[in-house]
Amino acid sequence: MDTRRCVVRGRVQGVGFRWFVTRSAEDLGVRGTVRNRADGAVEMVLQADAEALEAMIDRVRRGPPGSRVQEVECEPVEEESRYARFEVVR
């Protein structure tokens, strides 16, 4: 199980982006969290096997209709806890 923290920049708030991320995570079996940041970006913690993570990041790069993803920065993180599901956090 790998864990990555990703920050997505562009037009990603107010366009259903967190809903899109949550739905994609559920489809792919990815666990973790997604939240809006004060700077207008969206931050995710994604936990899954490598194949599911890559598929998830590919979906995030495309984004939902109405969004305009300009940048996706992901980094591996050492995460000891395991997420039970995927959820939106504030």
C-alpha atoms as a PDB file:
ATOM      1  CA  MET A   1       0.000   0.000   0.000  1.00  0.00           C
ATOM      2  CA  ASP A   2       1.474   3.345  -1.097  1.00  0.00           C
ATOM      3  CA  THR A   3       0.474   6.796   0.133  1.00  0.00           C
ATOM      4  CA  ARG A   4       0.856  10.080  -1.740  1.00  0.00           C
ATOM      5  CA  ARG A   5      -0.022  13.646  -0.880  1.00  0.00           C
ATOM      6  CA  CYS A   6      -1.112  15.622  -3.939  1.00  0.00           C
ATOM      7  CA  VAL A   7      -1.889  19.298  -4.425  1.00  0.00           C
ATOM      8  CA  VAL A   8      -4.002  20.253  -7.435  1.00  0.00           C
ATOM      9  CA  ARG A   9      -3.938  23.827  -8.724  1.00  0.00           C
ATOM     10  CA  GLY A  10      -6.050  25.603 -11.286  1.00  0.00           C
ATOM     11  CA  ARG A  11      -9.796  26.078 -11.416  1.00  0.00           C
ATOM     12  CA  VAL A  12     -10.560  23.311  -8.929  1.00  0.00           C
ATOM     13  CA  GLN A  13     -12.874  24.882  -6.351  1.00  0.00           C
ATOM     14  CA  GLY A  14     -16.554  25.529  -6.951  1.00  0.00           C
ATOM     15  CA  VAL A  15     -16.733  23.051  -9.859  1.00  0.00           C
ATOM     16  CA  GLY A  16     -17.509  19.758  -8.074  1.00  0.00           C
ATOM     17  CA  PHE A  17     -13.876  18.761  -7.924  1.00  0.00           C
ATOM     18  CA  ARG A  18     -13.993  17.137  -4.469  1.00  0.00           C
ATOM     19  CA  TRP A  19     -17.095  15.171  -5.468  1.00  0.00           C
ATOM     20  CA  PHE A  20     -15.304  14.045  -8.644  1.00  0.00           C
ATOM     21  CA  VAL A  21     -12.240  12.982  -6.635  1.00  0.00           C
ATOM     22  CA  THR A  22     -14.385  11.092  -4.124  1.00  0.00           C
ATOM     23  CA  ARG A  23     -16.308   9.274  -6.843  1.00  0.00           C
ATOM     24  CA  SER A  24     -13.081   8.390  -8.689  1.00  0.00           C
ATOM     25  CA  ALA A  25     -11.503   7.095  -5.481  1.00  0.00           C
ATOM     26  CA  GLU A  26     -14.517   4.893  -4.789  1.00  0.00           C
ATOM     27  CA  ASP A  27     -14.421   3.529  -8.366  1.00  0.00           C
ATOM     28  CA  LEU A  28     -10.699   2.700  -8.107  1.00  0.00           C
ATOM     29  CA  GLY A  29     -10.586   1.462  -4.508  1.00  0.00           C
ATOM     30  CA  VAL A  30      -8.433   4.365  -3.326  1.00  0.00           C
ATOM     31  CA  ARG A  31      -8.676   5.461   0.310  1.00  0.00           C
ATOM     32  CA  GLY A  32      -7.732   8.780   1.916  1.00  0.00           C
ATOM     33  CA  THR A  33      -8.966  12.343   2.054  1.00  0.00           C
ATOM     34  CA  VAL A  34      -9.623  15.424  -0.070  1.00  0.00           C
ATOM     35  CA  ARG A  35     -10.024  19.025   1.064  1.00  0.00           C
ATOM     36  CA  ASN A  36     -10.125  22.564  -0.279  1.00  0.00           C
ATOM     37  CA  ARG A  37      -7.204  24.747   0.749  1.00  0.00           C
ATOM     38  CA  ALA A  38      -7.388  28.446   1.551  1.00  0.00           C
ATOM     39  CA  ASP A  39      -5.058  29.235  -1.378  1.00  0.00           C
ATOM     40  CA  GLY A  40      -7.607  27.887  -3.918  1.00  0.00           C
ATOM     41  CA  ALA A  41      -5.913  24.531  -4.412  1.00  0.00           C
ATOM     42  CA  VAL A  42      -7.267  21.093  -3.539  1.00  0.00           C
ATOM     43  CA  GLU A  43      -5.175  18.739  -1.403  1.00  0.00           C
ATOM     44  CA  MET A  44      -5.538  14.962  -1.369  1.00  0.00           C
ATOM     45  CA  VAL A  45      -3.996  12.121   0.559  1.00  0.00           C
ATOM     46  CA  LEU A  46      -4.303   8.978  -1.554  1.00  0.00           C
ATOM     47  CA  GLN A  47      -3.646   5.457  -0.331  1.00  0.00           C
ATOM     48  CA  ALA A  48      -3.785   2.374  -2.584  1.00  0.00           C
ATOM     49  CA  ASP A  49      -1.595   0.054  -4.600  1.00  0.00           C
ATOM     50  CA  ALA A  50       0.666   1.673  -7.199  1.00  0.00           C
ATOM     51  CA  GLU A  51      -1.588   0.860 -10.171  1.00  0.00           C
ATOM     52  CA  ALA A  52      -4.696   2.370  -8.561  1.00  0.00           C
ATOM     53  CA  LEU A  53      -2.741   5.465  -7.502  1.00  0.00           C
ATOM     54  CA  GLU A  54      -1.528   6.099 -11.038  1.00  0.00           C
ATOM     55  CA  ALA A  55      -5.056   5.654 -12.424  1.00  0.00           C
ATOM     56  CA  MET A  56      -6.392   8.063  -9.799  1.00  0.00           C
ATOM     57  CA  ILE A  57      -3.773  10.708 -10.539  1.00  0.00           C
ATOM     58  CA  ASP A  58      -4.519  10.405 -14.280  1.00  0.00           C
ATOM     59  CA  ARG A  59      -8.214  11.076 -13.576  1.00  0.00           C
ATOM     60  CA  VAL A  60      -7.362  14.041 -11.359  1.00  0.00           C
ATOM     61  CA  ARG A  61      -5.203  15.549 -14.116  1.00  0.00           C
ATOM     62  CA  ARG A  62      -8.257  15.544 -16.418  1.00  0.00           C
ATOM     63  CA  GLY A  63     -10.680  16.734 -13.729  1.00  0.00           C
ATOM     64  CA  PRO A  64     -14.453  17.066 -14.006  1.00  0.00           C
ATOM     65  CA  PRO A  65     -16.250  19.210 -16.605  1.00  0.00           C
ATOM     66  CA  GLY A  66     -15.926  22.866 -15.668  1.00  0.00           C
ATOM     67  CA  SER A  67     -12.557  22.463 -13.996  1.00  0.00           C
ATOM     68  CA  ARG A  68      -9.202  23.475 -15.421  1.00  0.00           C
ATOM     69  CA  VAL A  69      -6.340  21.581 -13.832  1.00  0.00           C
ATOM     70  CA  GLN A  70      -3.101  23.463 -14.313  1.00  0.00           C
ATOM     71  CA  GLU A  71      -0.796  21.496 -12.042  1.00  0.00           C
ATOM     72  CA  VAL A  72      -0.787  18.300  -9.993  1.00  0.00           C
ATOM     73  CA  GLU A  73       2.108  17.882  -7.571  1.00  0.00           C
ATOM     74  CA  CYS A  74       2.362  14.529  -5.790  1.00  0.00           C
ATOM     75  CA  GLU A  75       4.910  13.258  -3.338  1.00  0.00           C
ATOM     76  CA  PRO A  76       5.191   9.948  -1.538  1.00  0.00           C
ATOM     77  CA  VAL A  77       4.627  10.139   2.190  1.00  0.00           C
ATOM     78  CA  GLU A  78       5.383   7.716   4.971  1.00  0.00           C
ATOM     79  CA  GLU A  79       1.942   7.107   6.394  1.00  0.00           C
ATOM     80  CA  GLU A  80       1.630   4.543   9.113  1.00  0.00           C
ATOM     81  CA  SER A  81      -2.130   4.803   9.472  1.00  0.00           C
ATOM     82  CA  ARG A  82      -4.426   3.072   7.044  1.00  0.00           C
ATOM     83  CA  TYR A  83      -7.528   4.857   5.872  1.00  0.00           C
ATOM     84  CA  ALA A  84     -10.776   2.904   6.118  1.00  0.00           C
ATOM     85  CA  ARG A  85     -12.429   4.794   3.234  1.00  0.00           C
ATOM     86  CA  PHE A  86     -12.219   7.967   1.173  1.00  0.00           C
ATOM     87  CA  GLU A  87     -13.721  11.117   2.624  1.00  0.00           C
ATOM     88  CA  VAL A  88     -13.983  14.893   2.252  1.00  0.00           C
ATOM     89  CA  VAL A  89     -12.438  16.747   5.192  1.00  0.00           C
ATOM     90  CA  ARG A  90     -12.583  20.405   6.119  1.00  0.00           C
END
